[in-house]
Amino acid sequence: MVAAIPPGNEKLFRMAVDIAAKSITLNQEETEKIAALAESADALFPAVEGDA
């Protein structure tokens, strides 16, 4: 998972890093369920043509 936290605000960035460090690992069933849900989701930051 990728966070949309810019490193410009040190307090928020550090908070995001601390939260990410406490994250859990998903099992295969959970991963597949999220992948299936993602297929029909709209992108929060859609790709722009020409981006690599």
C-alpha atoms as a PDB file:
ATOM      1  CA  MET A   1       0.000   0.000   0.000  1.00  0.00           C
ATOM      2  CA  VAL A   2       1.227   3.456  -0.806  1.00  0.00           C
ATOM      3  CA  ALA A   3       0.429   6.499   1.300  1.00  0.00           C
ATOM      4  CA  ALA A   4      -0.256   9.939  -0.122  1.00  0.00           C
ATOM      5  CA  ILE A   5       1.667  11.742   2.625  1.00  0.00           C
ATOM      6  CA  PRO A   6       4.206  14.283   1.378  1.00  0.00           C
ATOM      7  CA  PRO A   7       7.475  14.353   3.361  1.00  0.00           C
ATOM      8  CA  GLY A   8       7.202  18.177   3.587  1.00  0.00           C
ATOM      9  CA  ASN A   9       5.345  17.994   6.915  1.00  0.00           C
ATOM     10  CA  GLU A  10       7.773  16.168   9.170  1.00  0.00           C
ATOM     11  CA  LYS A  11       5.212  15.495  11.917  1.00  0.00           C
ATOM     12  CA  LEU A  12       2.672  13.896   9.526  1.00  0.00           C
ATOM     13  CA  PHE A  13       5.379  12.013   7.643  1.00  0.00           C
ATOM     14  CA  ARG A  14       6.823  10.571  10.880  1.00  0.00           C
ATOM     15  CA  MET A  15       3.305   9.615  12.004  1.00  0.00           C
ATOM     16  CA  ALA A  16       2.700   7.794   8.705  1.00  0.00           C
ATOM     17  CA  VAL A  17       6.027   5.951   9.002  1.00  0.00           C
ATOM     18  CA  ASP A  18       5.202   4.890  12.578  1.00  0.00           C
ATOM     19  CA  ILE A  19       1.752   3.640  11.546  1.00  0.00           C
ATOM     20  CA  ALA A  20       3.189   1.734   8.580  1.00  0.00           C
ATOM     21  CA  ALA A  21       5.742   0.063  10.863  1.00  0.00           C
ATOM     22  CA  LYS A  22       2.848  -1.392  12.888  1.00  0.00           C
ATOM     23  CA  SER A  23       1.053  -2.772   9.824  1.00  0.00           C
ATOM     24  CA  ILE A  24      -0.039  -6.384   9.487  1.00  0.00           C
ATOM     25  CA  THR A  25       0.598  -8.952   6.798  1.00  0.00           C
ATOM     26  CA  LEU A  26      -2.399 -10.185   4.821  1.00  0.00           C
ATOM     27  CA  ASN A  27      -2.942 -13.883   4.160  1.00  0.00           C
ATOM     28  CA  GLN A  28      -3.568 -15.238   0.641  1.00  0.00           C
ATOM     29  CA  GLU A  29      -7.374 -15.125   0.967  1.00  0.00           C
ATOM     30  CA  GLU A  30      -7.317 -11.505   2.157  1.00  0.00           C
ATOM     31  CA  THR A  31      -4.932 -10.516  -0.629  1.00  0.00           C
ATOM     32  CA  GLU A  32      -7.164 -12.106  -3.272  1.00  0.00           C
ATOM     33  CA  LYS A  33     -10.272 -10.414  -1.843  1.00  0.00           C
ATOM     34  CA  ILE A  34      -8.620  -6.980  -1.944  1.00  0.00           C
ATOM     35  CA  ALA A  35      -7.338  -7.606  -5.469  1.00  0.00           C
ATOM     36  CA  ALA A  36     -10.880  -8.475  -6.590  1.00  0.00           C
ATOM     37  CA  LEU A  37     -12.265  -5.304  -4.974  1.00  0.00           C
ATOM     38  CA  ALA A  38      -9.528  -3.209  -6.588  1.00  0.00           C
ATOM     39  CA  GLU A  39     -10.548  -4.368 -10.068  1.00  0.00           C
ATOM     40  CA  SER A  40     -13.770  -2.360  -9.864  1.00  0.00           C
ATOM     41  CA  ALA A  41     -12.428   0.626  -7.888  1.00  0.00           C
ATOM     42  CA  ASP A  42     -11.727   4.033  -9.394  1.00  0.00           C
ATOM     43  CA  ALA A  43      -8.109   5.144  -9.075  1.00  0.00           C
ATOM     44  CA  LEU A  44      -7.486   7.889  -6.551  1.00  0.00           C
ATOM     45  CA  PHE A  45      -4.617   9.163  -8.692  1.00  0.00           C
ATOM     46  CA  PRO A  46      -5.341   7.972 -12.239  1.00  0.00           C
ATOM     47  CA  ALA A  47      -2.425   7.578 -14.618  1.00  0.00           C
ATOM     48  CA  VAL A  48      -1.861  10.345 -17.113  1.00  0.00           C
ATOM     49  CA  GLU A  49      -1.046   9.308 -20.647  1.00  0.00           C
ATOM     50  CA  GLY A  50       2.713   9.566 -21.176  1.00  0.00           C
ATOM     51  CA  ASP A  51       3.594   8.705 -17.552  1.00  0.00           C
ATOM     52  CA  ALA A  52       5.882   5.746 -17.199  1.00  0.00           C
END
